[in-house]
């Protein structure tokens, strides 16, 4: 199994390197940092502009491949992701913002797959009952609703709940707010601000995985090996858990990497609505500000998230499927 995971991980690393390199070449040819200097009033001396851009490895007068090699060497040898058009270090920005986005993406991914699989398996064994039909309806509504709309609806519901309760149970502006003087007040404040953004990302994943898992579970419930296990005297719950659920989880694991990519994109809207200063907002601002190195850093962050999701997906499949371990 270790050889299988290592080989897959190496393939993902190669794909990530190619993708990030292509993003750099694209950003370096389409974004124009020089225009930011030319718009300054009073005007800046052209030679001063050129000297600044060359110092930040952003001058279009330097061959593209030479700029790429300088940037790549800095990343590999010093973990230096470069500088913005006016000299700000990209490392300083992503060093703070990356943990903000990782909290959202990690929790959203875990809650989405765990709760979604549980709900899907439960509705499969209750096929066509009222609970199954109600959950199916809500799941289809959530799948059809953009994360942007879900986040806004949750904010409106939170405002109504706070007004009805008479105190701020739900906090949804920024990462932190006012904290009390009781023990653990800072942790409670963090959790209050984290609840709604995480729920916004997780709901779509829960709905998606519940539909996938329900259909896969229904296929395995009538399988011969499940009926054989029941005929040999195995309890229904044990047969469903060890045979039907485990087999149906194998295809579900392969979807995990794709949903991580969606969460990275969804986190952009969540950060915007809930005023979180994460990588999603930073990526948009980098493009608007003609920041070549910042745009590449955001693309690399998204690629690493997908790489981690794909690796975890392979680990899950290898654990569940003995054929993978044997091969």
C-alpha atoms as a PDB file:
ATOM      1  CA  UNK A   1       0.000   0.000   0.000  1.00  0.00           C
ATOM      2  CA  UNK A   2       2.878   2.361   0.830  1.00  0.00           C
ATOM      3  CA  UNK A   3       4.338   1.901  -2.636  1.00  0.00           C
ATOM      4  CA  UNK A   4       0.947   2.630  -4.208  1.00  0.00           C
ATOM      5  CA  UNK A   5       0.492   5.839  -2.181  1.00  0.00           C
ATOM      6  CA  UNK A   6       4.068   6.970  -2.846  1.00  0.00           C
ATOM      7  CA  UNK A   7       3.754   6.438  -6.589  1.00  0.00           C
ATOM      8  CA  UNK A   8       0.468   8.335  -6.738  1.00  0.00           C
ATOM      9  CA  UNK A   9       1.838  11.134  -4.575  1.00  0.00           C
ATOM     10  CA  UNK A  10       4.845  11.533  -6.877  1.00  0.00           C
ATOM     11  CA  UNK A  11       2.513  11.791  -9.879  1.00  0.00           C
ATOM     12  CA  UNK A  12       0.515  14.494  -8.110  1.00  0.00           C
ATOM     13  CA  UNK A  13       3.694  16.429  -7.306  1.00  0.00           C
ATOM     14  CA  UNK A  14       4.747  16.390 -10.944  1.00  0.00           C
ATOM     15  CA  UNK A  15       1.300  17.594 -12.049  1.00  0.00           C
ATOM     16  CA  UNK A  16       1.368  20.317  -9.383  1.00  0.00           C
ATOM     17  CA  UNK A  17       4.762  21.539 -10.555  1.00  0.00           C
ATOM     18  CA  UNK A  18       3.592  21.681 -14.174  1.00  0.00           C
ATOM     19  CA  UNK A  19       0.354  23.462 -13.237  1.00  0.00           C
ATOM     20  CA  UNK A  20       2.061  26.094 -11.069  1.00  0.00           C
ATOM     21  CA  UNK A  21       4.714  26.686 -13.742  1.00  0.00           C
ATOM     22  CA  UNK A  22       2.030  27.227 -16.376  1.00  0.00           C
ATOM     23  CA  UNK A  23       0.220  29.649 -14.062  1.00  0.00           C
ATOM     24  CA  UNK A  24       3.439  31.622 -13.638  1.00  0.00           C
ATOM     25  CA  UNK A  25       4.018  31.832 -17.383  1.00  0.00           C
ATOM     26  CA  UNK A  26       0.405  32.876 -17.932  1.00  0.00           C
ATOM     27  CA  UNK A  27       0.438  35.490 -15.161  1.00  0.00           C
ATOM     28  CA  UNK A  28       3.799  36.890 -16.233  1.00  0.00           C
ATOM     29  CA  UNK A  29       2.581  37.404 -19.803  1.00  0.00           C
ATOM     30  CA  UNK A  30      -0.905  38.769 -19.080  1.00  0.00           C
ATOM     31  CA  UNK A  31      -0.480  40.892 -15.926  1.00  0.00           C
ATOM     32  CA  UNK A  32       1.230  44.245 -16.369  1.00  0.00           C
ATOM     33  CA  UNK A  33       2.806  45.576 -13.128  1.00  0.00           C
ATOM     34  CA  UNK A  34       4.387  48.453 -15.060  1.00  0.00           C
ATOM     35  CA  UNK A  35       0.940  50.001 -15.612  1.00  0.00           C
ATOM     36  CA  UNK A  36       0.596  50.555 -11.859  1.00  0.00           C
ATOM     37  CA  UNK A  37       3.657  52.800 -11.893  1.00  0.00           C
ATOM     38  CA  UNK A  38       2.567  54.626 -15.030  1.00  0.00           C
ATOM     39  CA  UNK A  39      -0.735  55.570 -13.376  1.00  0.00           C
ATOM     40  CA  UNK A  40       1.007  57.282 -10.458  1.00  0.00           C
ATOM     41  CA  UNK A  41       0.630  61.046 -10.081  1.00  0.00           C
ATOM     42  CA  UNK A  42       3.054  62.791 -10.130  1.00  0.00           C
ATOM     43  CA  UNK A  43       4.678  60.668 -12.844  1.00  0.00           C
ATOM     44  CA  UNK A  44       7.640  58.487 -11.941  1.00  0.00           C
ATOM     45  CA  UNK A  45      10.850  58.522 -13.935  1.00  0.00           C
ATOM     46  CA  UNK A  46      10.833  55.607 -16.449  1.00  0.00           C
ATOM     47  CA  UNK A  47      14.300  54.487 -15.391  1.00  0.00           C
ATOM     48  CA  UNK A  48      13.197  54.383 -11.746  1.00  0.00           C
ATOM     49  CA  UNK A  49      10.228  52.244 -12.747  1.00  0.00           C
ATOM     50  CA  UNK A  50      12.478  49.875 -14.672  1.00  0.00           C
ATOM     51  CA  UNK A  51      14.935  49.595 -11.781  1.00  0.00           C
ATOM     52  CA  UNK A  52      12.116  48.774  -9.353  1.00  0.00           C
ATOM     53  CA  UNK A  53      10.570  46.153 -11.621  1.00  0.00           C
ATOM     54  CA  UNK A  54      13.926  44.508 -12.236  1.00  0.00           C
ATOM     55  CA  UNK A  55      14.610  44.443  -8.500  1.00  0.00           C
ATOM     56  CA  UNK A  56      11.301  42.608  -7.969  1.00  0.00           C
ATOM     57  CA  UNK A  57      11.839  40.307 -11.004  1.00  0.00           C
ATOM     58  CA  UNK A  58       8.781  41.775 -12.743  1.00  0.00           C
ATOM     59  CA  UNK A  59      10.242  43.661 -15.685  1.00  0.00           C
ATOM     60  CA  UNK A  60       8.909  42.587 -19.069  1.00  0.00           C
ATOM     61  CA  UNK A  61      12.226  43.697 -20.573  1.00  0.00           C
ATOM     62  CA  UNK A  62      13.810  40.618 -19.015  1.00  0.00           C
ATOM     63  CA  UNK A  63      13.144  37.398 -20.988  1.00  0.00           C
ATOM     64  CA  UNK A  64      10.221  35.408 -19.622  1.00  0.00           C
ATOM     65  CA  UNK A  65      12.147  32.188 -19.068  1.00  0.00           C
ATOM     66  CA  UNK A  66      14.877  34.079 -17.217  1.00  0.00           C
ATOM     67  CA  UNK A  67      12.287  35.595 -14.884  1.00  0.00           C
ATOM     68  CA  UNK A  68      10.717  32.159 -14.386  1.00  0.00           C
ATOM     69  CA  UNK A  69      14.071  30.587 -13.522  1.00  0.00           C
ATOM     70  CA  UNK A  70      14.880  33.345 -11.023  1.00  0.00           C
ATOM     71  CA  UNK A  71      11.478  32.912  -9.366  1.00  0.00           C
ATOM     72  CA  UNK A  72      11.702  29.107  -9.332  1.00  0.00           C
ATOM     73  CA  UNK A  73      15.217  29.173  -7.864  1.00  0.00           C
ATOM     74  CA  UNK A  74      14.039  31.467  -5.081  1.00  0.00           C
ATOM     75  CA  UNK A  75      11.109  29.206  -4.228  1.00  0.00           C
ATOM     76  CA  UNK A  76      13.129  25.977  -4.241  1.00  0.00           C
ATOM     77  CA  UNK A  77      16.250  27.211  -2.443  1.00  0.00           C
ATOM     78  CA  UNK A  78      14.858  29.870  -0.068  1.00  0.00           C
ATOM     79  CA  UNK A  79      11.082  29.316  -0.088  1.00  0.00           C
ATOM     80  CA  UNK A  80      10.812  32.893  -1.380  1.00  0.00           C
ATOM     81  CA  UNK A  81       7.642  33.371  -3.431  1.00  0.00           C
ATOM     82  CA  UNK A  82       8.734  36.774  -4.684  1.00  0.00           C
ATOM     83  CA  UNK A  83       7.562  40.321  -4.211  1.00  0.00           C
ATOM     84  CA  UNK A  84       4.521  42.362  -5.195  1.00  0.00           C
ATOM     85  CA  UNK A  85       4.833  45.245  -7.697  1.00  0.00           C
ATOM     86  CA  UNK A  86       5.600  47.736  -4.900  1.00  0.00           C
ATOM     87  CA  UNK A  87       7.954  45.535  -2.941  1.00  0.00           C
ATOM     88  CA  UNK A  88       5.717  43.736  -0.431  1.00  0.00           C
ATOM     89  CA  UNK A  89       6.915  40.203   0.230  1.00  0.00           C
ATOM     90  CA  UNK A  90       4.404  37.535  -0.811  1.00  0.00           C
ATOM     91  CA  UNK A  91       5.614  35.267   2.009  1.00  0.00           C
ATOM     92  CA  UNK A  92       4.444  37.787   4.606  1.00  0.00           C
ATOM     93  CA  UNK A  93       0.944  37.811   3.149  1.00  0.00           C
ATOM     94  CA  UNK A  94       0.455  34.092   2.618  1.00  0.00           C
ATOM     95  CA  UNK A  95       2.111  33.255   5.946  1.00  0.00           C
ATOM     96  CA  UNK A  96      -0.914  34.718   7.746  1.00  0.00           C
ATOM     97  CA  UNK A  97      -3.685  34.134   5.237  1.00  0.00           C
ATOM     98  CA  UNK A  98      -2.960  30.486   4.462  1.00  0.00           C
ATOM     99  CA  UNK A  99      -3.948  29.322   7.957  1.00  0.00           C
ATOM    100  CA  UNK A 100      -7.195  31.233   7.740  1.00  0.00           C
ATOM    101  CA  UNK A 101      -8.212  29.423   4.565  1.00  0.00           C
ATOM    102  CA  UNK A 102      -6.914  26.055   5.740  1.00  0.00           C
ATOM    103  CA  UNK A 103      -9.246  26.157   8.735  1.00  0.00           C
ATOM    104  CA  UNK A 104     -12.226  26.668   6.450  1.00  0.00           C
ATOM    105  CA  UNK A 105     -11.224  24.150   3.788  1.00  0.00           C
ATOM    106  CA  UNK A 106     -10.153  21.444   6.255  1.00  0.00           C
ATOM    107  CA  UNK A 107     -13.227  21.634   8.455  1.00  0.00           C
ATOM    108  CA  UNK A 108     -15.539  22.033   5.483  1.00  0.00           C
ATOM    109  CA  UNK A 109     -14.043  18.940   3.823  1.00  0.00           C
ATOM    110  CA  UNK A 110     -14.181  16.754   6.942  1.00  0.00           C
ATOM    111  CA  UNK A 111     -17.710  17.710   7.920  1.00  0.00           C
ATOM    112  CA  UNK A 112     -18.889  17.399   4.331  1.00  0.00           C
ATOM    113  CA  UNK A 113     -17.635  13.850   3.774  1.00  0.00           C
ATOM    114  CA  UNK A 114     -18.275  12.427   7.270  1.00  0.00           C
ATOM    115  CA  UNK A 115     -21.792  13.773   7.718  1.00  0.00           C
ATOM    116  CA  UNK A 116     -22.655  13.289   4.045  1.00  0.00           C
ATOM    117  CA  UNK A 117     -21.631   9.615   4.069  1.00  0.00           C
ATOM    118  CA  UNK A 118     -23.505   8.994   7.303  1.00  0.00           C
ATOM    119  CA  UNK A 119     -26.676  10.647   6.009  1.00  0.00           C
ATOM    120  CA  UNK A 120     -26.444   8.849   2.664  1.00  0.00           C
ATOM    121  CA  UNK A 121     -26.004   5.433   4.265  1.00  0.00           C
ATOM    122  CA  UNK A 122     -28.871   6.077   6.670  1.00  0.00           C
ATOM    123  CA  UNK A 123     -31.285   7.166   3.936  1.00  0.00           C
ATOM    124  CA  UNK A 124     -30.323   4.146   1.804  1.00  0.00           C
ATOM    125  CA  UNK A 125     -31.539   1.691   4.445  1.00  0.00           C
ATOM    126  CA  UNK A 126     -34.741   3.769   4.739  1.00  0.00           C
ATOM    127  CA  UNK A 127     -35.404   3.922   1.005  1.00  0.00           C
ATOM    128  CA  UNK A 128     -38.682   5.616  -0.029  1.00  0.00           C
ATOM    129  CA  UNK A 129     -39.671   6.407   3.550  1.00  0.00           C
ATOM    130  CA  UNK A 130     -40.669   9.933   4.516  1.00  0.00           C
ATOM    131  CA  UNK A 131     -37.259  10.727   6.002  1.00  0.00           C
ATOM    132  CA  UNK A 132     -35.539   9.565   2.806  1.00  0.00           C
ATOM    133  CA  UNK A 133     -37.752  11.713   0.611  1.00  0.00           C
ATOM    134  CA  UNK A 134     -37.372  14.805   2.819  1.00  0.00           C
ATOM    135  CA  UNK A 135     -33.573  14.528   2.954  1.00  0.00           C
ATOM    136  CA  UNK A 136     -33.453  13.922  -0.797  1.00  0.00           C
ATOM    137  CA  UNK A 137     -35.451  17.098  -1.398  1.00  0.00           C
ATOM    138  CA  UNK A 138     -33.230  19.230   0.825  1.00  0.00           C
ATOM    139  CA  UNK A 139     -30.088  17.693  -0.667  1.00  0.00           C
ATOM    140  CA  UNK A 140     -31.142  18.538  -4.207  1.00  0.00           C
ATOM    141  CA  UNK A 141     -31.951  22.100  -3.142  1.00  0.00           C
ATOM    142  CA  UNK A 142     -28.519  22.506  -1.522  1.00  0.00           C
ATOM    143  CA  UNK A 143     -26.693  21.006  -4.502  1.00  0.00           C
ATOM    144  CA  UNK A 144     -28.487  23.440  -6.812  1.00  0.00           C
ATOM    145  CA  UNK A 145     -27.722  26.446  -4.605  1.00  0.00           C
ATOM    146  CA  UNK A 146     -24.372  28.280  -4.969  1.00  0.00           C
ATOM    147  CA  UNK A 147     -22.237  28.569  -1.836  1.00  0.00           C
ATOM    148  CA  UNK A 148     -22.555  32.343  -2.144  1.00  0.00           C
ATOM    149  CA  UNK A 149     -26.339  32.137  -1.678  1.00  0.00           C
ATOM    150  CA  UNK A 150     -26.054  29.596   1.149  1.00  0.00           C
ATOM    151  CA  UNK A 151     -23.714  31.908   3.061  1.00  0.00           C
ATOM    152  CA  UNK A 152     -26.055  34.891   2.698  1.00  0.00           C
ATOM    153  CA  UNK A 153     -29.085  32.837   3.806  1.00  0.00           C
ATOM    154  CA  UNK A 154     -27.200  31.597   6.871  1.00  0.00           C
ATOM    155  CA  UNK A 155     -26.326  35.177   7.765  1.00  0.00           C
ATOM    156  CA  UNK A 156     -29.982  36.234   7.534  1.00  0.00           C
ATOM    157  CA  UNK A 157     -31.084  33.276   9.662  1.00  0.00           C
ATOM    158  CA  UNK A 158     -28.372  34.058  12.218  1.00  0.00           C
ATOM    159  CA  UNK A 159     -29.546  37.666  12.498  1.00  0.00           C
ATOM    160  CA  UNK A 160     -33.118  36.514  13.128  1.00  0.00           C
ATOM    161  CA  UNK A 161     -31.943  33.981  15.703  1.00  0.00           C
ATOM    162  CA  UNK A 162     -29.851  36.584  17.539  1.00  0.00           C
ATOM    163  CA  UNK A 163     -32.782  39.015  17.611  1.00  0.00           C
ATOM    164  CA  UNK A 164     -35.115  36.323  18.919  1.00  0.00           C
ATOM    165  CA  UNK A 165     -32.694  35.221  21.636  1.00  0.00           C
ATOM    166  CA  UNK A 166     -31.742  38.737  22.680  1.00  0.00           C
ATOM    167  CA  UNK A 167     -27.991  38.113  22.586  1.00  0.00           C
ATOM    168  CA  UNK A 168     -25.287  37.385  20.007  1.00  0.00           C
ATOM    169  CA  UNK A 169     -25.236  33.595  19.767  1.00  0.00           C
ATOM    170  CA  UNK A 170     -24.008  33.651  16.169  1.00  0.00           C
ATOM    171  CA  UNK A 171     -21.070  35.820  15.135  1.00  0.00           C
ATOM    172  CA  UNK A 172     -20.353  36.160  11.433  1.00  0.00           C
ATOM    173  CA  UNK A 173     -18.203  39.253  10.808  1.00  0.00           C
ATOM    174  CA  UNK A 174     -14.469  38.644  10.823  1.00  0.00           C
ATOM    175  CA  UNK A 175     -12.447  35.915  12.494  1.00  0.00           C
ATOM    176  CA  UNK A 176     -12.726  37.289  16.030  1.00  0.00           C
ATOM    177  CA  UNK A 177     -14.762  39.832  17.952  1.00  0.00           C
ATOM    178  CA  UNK A 178     -15.351  40.967  21.487  1.00  0.00           C
ATOM    179  CA  UNK A 179     -14.478  38.340  24.076  1.00  0.00           C
ATOM    180  CA  UNK A 180     -15.675  37.976  27.641  1.00  0.00           C
ATOM    181  CA  UNK A 181     -13.564  37.637  30.764  1.00  0.00           C
ATOM    182  CA  UNK A 182     -14.511  34.029  31.581  1.00  0.00           C
ATOM    183  CA  UNK A 183     -12.130  31.077  31.084  1.00  0.00           C
ATOM    184  CA  UNK A 184     -11.986  29.957  27.467  1.00  0.00           C
ATOM    185  CA  UNK A 185     -13.693  33.121  26.196  1.00  0.00           C
ATOM    186  CA  UNK A 186     -11.236  33.511  23.333  1.00  0.00           C
ATOM    187  CA  UNK A 187     -11.824  29.938  22.157  1.00  0.00           C
ATOM    188  CA  UNK A 188     -15.599  30.367  22.325  1.00  0.00           C
ATOM    189  CA  UNK A 189     -15.333  33.579  20.308  1.00  0.00           C
ATOM    190  CA  UNK A 190     -13.231  31.818  17.656  1.00  0.00           C
ATOM    191  CA  UNK A 191     -15.739  28.977  17.410  1.00  0.00           C
ATOM    192  CA  UNK A 192     -18.658  31.401  17.118  1.00  0.00           C
ATOM    193  CA  UNK A 193     -17.030  33.145  14.180  1.00  0.00           C
ATOM    194  CA  UNK A 194     -15.972  29.844  12.606  1.00  0.00           C
ATOM    195  CA  UNK A 195     -19.379  28.139  12.782  1.00  0.00           C
ATOM    196  CA  UNK A 196     -21.282  29.820   9.949  1.00  0.00           C
ATOM    197  CA  UNK A 197     -18.407  29.999   7.403  1.00  0.00           C
ATOM    198  CA  UNK A 198     -17.630  26.323   7.975  1.00  0.00           C
ATOM    199  CA  UNK A 199     -21.297  25.405   7.715  1.00  0.00           C
ATOM    200  CA  UNK A 200     -21.572  27.343   4.456  1.00  0.00           C
ATOM    201  CA  UNK A 201     -18.822  25.241   2.903  1.00  0.00           C
ATOM    202  CA  UNK A 202     -19.882  21.957   4.483  1.00  0.00           C
ATOM    203  CA  UNK A 203     -23.583  21.999   3.534  1.00  0.00           C
ATOM    204  CA  UNK A 204     -22.945  21.598  -0.168  1.00  0.00           C
ATOM    205  CA  UNK A 205     -20.524  18.737   0.505  1.00  0.00           C
ATOM    206  CA  UNK A 206     -22.982  17.038   2.841  1.00  0.00           C
ATOM    207  CA  UNK A 207     -25.705  17.181   0.199  1.00  0.00           C
ATOM    208  CA  UNK A 208     -23.372  15.941  -2.543  1.00  0.00           C
ATOM    209  CA  UNK A 209     -21.907  13.035  -0.584  1.00  0.00           C
ATOM    210  CA  UNK A 210     -25.279  11.980   0.788  1.00  0.00           C
ATOM    211  CA  UNK A 211     -26.630  11.536  -2.752  1.00  0.00           C
ATOM    212  CA  UNK A 212     -23.521   9.692  -3.930  1.00  0.00           C
ATOM    213  CA  UNK A 213     -23.380   7.454  -0.876  1.00  0.00           C
ATOM    214  CA  UNK A 214     -27.102   6.669  -0.972  1.00  0.00           C
ATOM    215  CA  UNK A 215     -26.953   5.431  -4.563  1.00  0.00           C
ATOM    216  CA  UNK A 216     -23.799   3.393  -3.969  1.00  0.00           C
ATOM    217  CA  UNK A 217     -25.221   1.932  -0.788  1.00  0.00           C
ATOM    218  CA  UNK A 218     -28.406   0.856  -2.552  1.00  0.00           C
ATOM    219  CA  UNK A 219     -26.303  -1.036  -5.097  1.00  0.00           C
ATOM    220  CA  UNK A 220     -24.528  -3.003  -2.370  1.00  0.00           C
ATOM    221  CA  UNK A 221     -27.556  -3.711  -0.156  1.00  0.00           C
ATOM    222  CA  UNK A 222     -28.847  -6.272  -2.632  1.00  0.00           C
ATOM    223  CA  UNK A 223     -25.436  -7.782  -3.410  1.00  0.00           C
ATOM    224  CA  UNK A 224     -24.904 -11.535  -3.013  1.00  0.00           C
ATOM    225  CA  UNK A 225     -22.166 -11.173  -0.405  1.00  0.00           C
ATOM    226  CA  UNK A 226     -24.456  -9.119   1.851  1.00  0.00           C
ATOM    227  CA  UNK A 227     -27.254 -11.687   1.590  1.00  0.00           C
ATOM    228  CA  UNK A 228     -24.756 -14.472   2.217  1.00  0.00           C
ATOM    229  CA  UNK A 229     -23.470 -12.746   5.339  1.00  0.00           C
ATOM    230  CA  UNK A 230     -27.020 -12.398   6.637  1.00  0.00           C
ATOM    231  CA  UNK A 231     -27.788 -16.043   5.805  1.00  0.00           C
ATOM    232  CA  UNK A 232     -24.772 -17.148   7.865  1.00  0.00           C
ATOM    233  CA  UNK A 233     -26.245 -15.470  10.909  1.00  0.00           C
ATOM    234  CA  UNK A 234     -24.480 -12.098  10.881  1.00  0.00           C
ATOM    235  CA  UNK A 235     -26.540  -9.353  12.465  1.00  0.00           C
ATOM    236  CA  UNK A 236     -28.116  -6.888  10.047  1.00  0.00           C
ATOM    237  CA  UNK A 237     -26.256  -3.871  11.405  1.00  0.00           C
ATOM    238  CA  UNK A 238     -22.914  -5.679  11.290  1.00  0.00           C
ATOM    239  CA  UNK A 239     -23.533  -6.924   7.747  1.00  0.00           C
ATOM    240  CA  UNK A 240     -24.450  -3.444   6.563  1.00  0.00           C
ATOM    241  CA  UNK A 241     -21.466  -1.823   8.258  1.00  0.00           C
ATOM    242  CA  UNK A 242     -18.741  -4.338   7.406  1.00  0.00           C
ATOM    243  CA  UNK A 243     -19.876  -5.390   3.941  1.00  0.00           C
ATOM    244  CA  UNK A 244     -22.349  -2.995   2.334  1.00  0.00           C
ATOM    245  CA  UNK A 245     -21.005   0.303   3.710  1.00  0.00           C
ATOM    246  CA  UNK A 246     -17.324  -0.560   3.361  1.00  0.00           C
ATOM    247  CA  UNK A 247     -17.696  -1.619  -0.268  1.00  0.00           C
ATOM    248  CA  UNK A 248     -19.774   1.433  -1.178  1.00  0.00           C
ATOM    249  CA  UNK A 249     -17.203   3.767   0.399  1.00  0.00           C
ATOM    250  CA  UNK A 250     -14.551   2.844  -2.179  1.00  0.00           C
ATOM    251  CA  UNK A 251     -16.054   4.887  -5.067  1.00  0.00           C
ATOM    252  CA  UNK A 252     -16.942   7.683  -2.631  1.00  0.00           C
ATOM    253  CA  UNK A 253     -13.294   8.113  -1.740  1.00  0.00           C
ATOM    254  CA  UNK A 254     -12.403   8.892  -5.339  1.00  0.00           C
ATOM    255  CA  UNK A 255     -14.705  11.936  -5.309  1.00  0.00           C
ATOM    256  CA  UNK A 256     -12.915  13.528  -2.365  1.00  0.00           C
ATOM    257  CA  UNK A 257     -10.158  15.255  -4.367  1.00  0.00           C
ATOM    258  CA  UNK A 258     -12.666  16.905  -6.703  1.00  0.00           C
ATOM    259  CA  UNK A 259     -14.754  18.364  -3.878  1.00  0.00           C
ATOM    260  CA  UNK A 260     -11.638  19.869  -2.272  1.00  0.00           C
ATOM    261  CA  UNK A 261     -11.113  21.901  -5.443  1.00  0.00           C
ATOM    262  CA  UNK A 262     -14.689  23.149  -5.213  1.00  0.00           C
ATOM    263  CA  UNK A 263     -14.194  24.103  -1.552  1.00  0.00           C
ATOM    264  CA  UNK A 264     -11.113  26.183  -2.393  1.00  0.00           C
ATOM    265  CA  UNK A 265     -13.200  28.128  -4.901  1.00  0.00           C
ATOM    266  CA  UNK A 266     -16.144  28.312  -2.510  1.00  0.00           C
ATOM    267  CA  UNK A 267     -13.944  29.646   0.282  1.00  0.00           C
ATOM    268  CA  UNK A 268     -13.361  32.754  -1.836  1.00  0.00           C
ATOM    269  CA  UNK A 269     -17.042  33.728  -1.599  1.00  0.00           C
ATOM    270  CA  UNK A 270     -17.265  32.713   2.055  1.00  0.00           C
ATOM    271  CA  UNK A 271     -14.260  34.861   2.960  1.00  0.00           C
ATOM    272  CA  UNK A 272     -15.787  37.783   1.096  1.00  0.00           C
ATOM    273  CA  UNK A 273     -19.190  37.512   2.782  1.00  0.00           C
ATOM    274  CA  UNK A 274     -17.925  36.807   6.302  1.00  0.00           C
ATOM    275  CA  UNK A 275     -14.992  39.258   6.047  1.00  0.00           C
ATOM    276  CA  UNK A 276     -12.253  36.671   6.502  1.00  0.00           C
ATOM    277  CA  UNK A 277      -8.814  37.637   5.230  1.00  0.00           C
ATOM    278  CA  UNK A 278      -7.767  34.351   3.669  1.00  0.00           C
ATOM    279  CA  UNK A 279      -6.148  33.130   0.484  1.00  0.00           C
ATOM    280  CA  UNK A 280      -9.325  33.434  -1.583  1.00  0.00           C
ATOM    281  CA  UNK A 281      -9.577  37.194  -1.148  1.00  0.00           C
ATOM    282  CA  UNK A 282      -5.816  37.481  -1.541  1.00  0.00           C
ATOM    283  CA  UNK A 283      -5.942  35.691  -4.897  1.00  0.00           C
ATOM    284  CA  UNK A 284      -8.563  38.108  -6.244  1.00  0.00           C
ATOM    285  CA  UNK A 285      -6.663  41.134  -4.948  1.00  0.00           C
ATOM    286  CA  UNK A 286      -3.402  39.845  -6.440  1.00  0.00           C
ATOM    287  CA  UNK A 287      -4.940  39.676  -9.909  1.00  0.00           C
ATOM    288  CA  UNK A 288      -6.524  43.117  -9.542  1.00  0.00           C
ATOM    289  CA  UNK A 289      -3.204  44.611  -8.416  1.00  0.00           C
ATOM    290  CA  UNK A 290      -1.204  42.971 -11.226  1.00  0.00           C
ATOM    291  CA  UNK A 291       0.699  40.914  -8.661  1.00  0.00           C
ATOM    292  CA  UNK A 292       2.272  38.075 -10.656  1.00  0.00           C
ATOM    293  CA  UNK A 293       3.928  36.369  -7.704  1.00  0.00           C
ATOM    294  CA  UNK A 294       0.872  36.664  -5.465  1.00  0.00           C
ATOM    295  CA  UNK A 295      -1.372  35.133  -8.134  1.00  0.00           C
ATOM    296  CA  UNK A 296       1.000  32.201  -8.545  1.00  0.00           C
ATOM    297  CA  UNK A 297       1.158  31.696  -4.769  1.00  0.00           C
ATOM    298  CA  UNK A 298      -2.646  31.481  -4.623  1.00  0.00           C
ATOM    299  CA  UNK A 299      -2.704  28.974  -7.488  1.00  0.00           C
ATOM    300  CA  UNK A 300      -0.039  26.921  -5.690  1.00  0.00           C
ATOM    301  CA  UNK A 301      -2.132  26.943  -2.495  1.00  0.00           C
ATOM    302  CA  UNK A 302      -5.183  25.697  -4.387  1.00  0.00           C
ATOM    303  CA  UNK A 303      -3.071  23.014  -6.068  1.00  0.00           C
ATOM    304  CA  UNK A 304      -1.636  21.828  -2.751  1.00  0.00           C
ATOM    305  CA  UNK A 305      -5.143  21.545  -1.298  1.00  0.00           C
ATOM    306  CA  UNK A 306      -6.188  19.378  -4.245  1.00  0.00           C
ATOM    307  CA  UNK A 307      -2.984  17.321  -3.883  1.00  0.00           C
ATOM    308  CA  UNK A 308      -3.707  16.664  -0.206  1.00  0.00           C
ATOM    309  CA  UNK A 309      -7.304  15.774  -1.014  1.00  0.00           C
ATOM    310  CA  UNK A 310      -6.227  13.398  -3.777  1.00  0.00           C
ATOM    311  CA  UNK A 311      -3.655  11.725  -1.501  1.00  0.00           C
ATOM    312  CA  UNK A 312      -6.195  11.264   1.290  1.00  0.00           C
ATOM    313  CA  UNK A 313      -8.572   9.842  -1.288  1.00  0.00           C
ATOM    314  CA  UNK A 314      -5.950   7.293  -2.359  1.00  0.00           C
ATOM    315  CA  UNK A 315      -5.250   6.372   1.274  1.00  0.00           C
ATOM    316  CA  UNK A 316      -8.959   5.821   1.897  1.00  0.00           C
ATOM    317  CA  UNK A 317      -9.314   3.631  -1.190  1.00  0.00           C
ATOM    318  CA  UNK A 318      -6.210   1.630  -0.275  1.00  0.00           C
ATOM    319  CA  UNK A 319      -7.485   1.022   3.256  1.00  0.00           C
ATOM    320  CA  UNK A 320     -10.946  -0.035   2.101  1.00  0.00           C
ATOM    321  CA  UNK A 321     -10.020  -2.082  -0.971  1.00  0.00           C
ATOM    322  CA  UNK A 322      -7.756  -5.118  -0.387  1.00  0.00           C
ATOM    323  CA  UNK A 323      -7.127  -5.403  -4.122  1.00  0.00           C
ATOM    324  CA  UNK A 324      -5.206  -2.116  -4.046  1.00  0.00           C
ATOM    325  CA  UNK A 325      -3.015  -3.297  -1.173  1.00  0.00           C
ATOM    326  CA  UNK A 326      -2.284  -6.606  -2.901  1.00  0.00           C
ATOM    327  CA  UNK A 327      -1.440  -4.953  -6.234  1.00  0.00           C
END
